[in-house]
Protein backbone atom coordinates (compact mmCIF):
# COMPACT_ATOMS: atom_id res chain seq x y z
CA MET A 1 146.36 56.79 124.27
CA ASP A 2 147.81 56.73 127.78
CA GLN A 3 144.97 54.50 128.93
CA LEU A 4 145.72 52.07 126.09
CA LYS A 5 149.38 51.95 127.16
CA ARG A 6 148.33 51.21 130.74
CA TYR A 7 145.93 48.44 129.69
CA LEU A 8 148.56 46.91 127.44
CA GLY A 9 151.01 47.13 130.35
CA ILE A 10 148.71 44.85 132.31
CA VAL A 11 148.52 42.51 129.32
CA TRP A 12 152.34 42.32 129.09
CA MET A 13 152.67 41.71 132.83
CA LEU A 14 150.22 38.81 132.61
CA LEU A 15 151.63 37.46 129.35
CA GLY A 16 155.16 36.91 130.71
CA PRO A 17 154.28 34.44 133.50
CA ALA A 18 151.53 32.82 131.40
CA ALA A 19 153.97 32.15 128.56
CA LEU A 20 156.58 30.77 130.97
CA PHE A 21 154.02 28.47 132.55
CA THR A 22 152.76 27.28 129.16
CA LEU A 23 156.26 26.69 127.83
CA SER A 24 157.25 24.78 130.97
CA ASP A 25 154.10 22.68 130.79
CA ILE A 26 154.74 21.82 127.13
CA ALA A 27 158.40 21.03 127.90
CA VAL A 28 157.44 18.61 130.67
CA SER A 29 154.88 16.86 128.48
CA GLU A 30 157.28 16.60 125.52
CA ILE A 31 160.09 15.27 127.71
CA GLY A 32 157.61 12.79 129.20
CA LYS A 33 156.79 11.43 125.74
CA ASP A 34 160.44 10.74 124.87
CA PRO A 35 162.83 11.13 127.83
CA SER A 36 166.02 10.99 125.75
CA LEU A 37 168.96 13.23 126.57
CA ASP A 38 168.74 15.26 123.37
CA ARG A 39 165.05 16.02 124.04
CA MET A 40 165.85 17.16 127.60
CA ILE A 41 168.68 19.40 126.39
CA GLN A 42 166.52 20.89 123.64
CA TRP A 43 163.62 21.81 125.93
CA GLY A 44 165.99 22.88 128.70
CA VAL A 45 167.60 25.38 126.34
CA PHE A 46 164.18 26.64 125.21
CA VAL A 47 163.08 27.26 128.79
CA VAL A 48 166.39 28.83 129.89
CA VAL A 49 166.42 31.18 126.90
CA PHE A 50 162.80 32.21 127.34
CA VAL A 51 163.00 32.99 131.09
CA PRO A 52 164.76 36.37 130.57
CA ILE A 53 162.30 37.17 127.77
CA GLY A 54 159.37 36.50 130.12
CA ILE A 55 160.97 38.63 132.84
CA GLY A 56 161.52 41.38 130.28
CA LEU A 57 157.84 41.28 129.33
CA VAL A 58 156.89 41.80 132.97
CA ILE A 59 159.34 44.71 133.36
CA PHE A 60 158.18 46.29 130.10
CA GLY A 61 154.57 45.90 131.20
CA TRP A 62 155.32 47.56 134.53
CA TYR A 63 156.95 50.53 132.80
CA ALA A 64 153.99 50.83 130.43
CA TYR A 65 151.52 50.56 133.31
CA THR A 66 153.26 53.21 135.41
CA GLY A 67 153.60 55.57 132.44
CA ALA A 68 157.38 55.61 132.26
CA TYR A 69 157.15 56.03 128.48
CA ALA A 70 155.77 59.55 128.64
CA PRO A 71 156.26 61.52 125.41
CA ASP A 72 157.91 64.48 127.15
CA GLY A 73 160.49 62.27 128.88
CA THR A 74 159.16 62.85 132.40
CA ASP A 75 158.13 60.04 134.70
CA PRO A 76 154.54 60.68 135.83
CA SER A 77 154.90 58.26 138.74
CA THR A 78 157.36 60.63 140.44
CA GLU A 79 155.17 63.71 140.13
C-alpha cells in the first residue's frame, strides 16, 4: 500500500502543473476566439482560482511520495 501511495504521489505532482498548463492553454484559446472584457475576466478568475489548487496538488503529491501520511503518525523521511 505504501508503494501505491508513492506512485500516486508522483501522479499528483505531475497532475498539478499539467492541469495548470492545460487550463492556461484553453483560456488563451477561448480569449482569442472572443476577446471581450467579460470573457477575459471569466477565464482570468478560473486561472487565478485554480493556481492554488494546482500548487496544493503538488504539495499533496510530495507528502504522499515522501511517506508523510504514515499510519503510525511518524514521518519516515526523518528516520
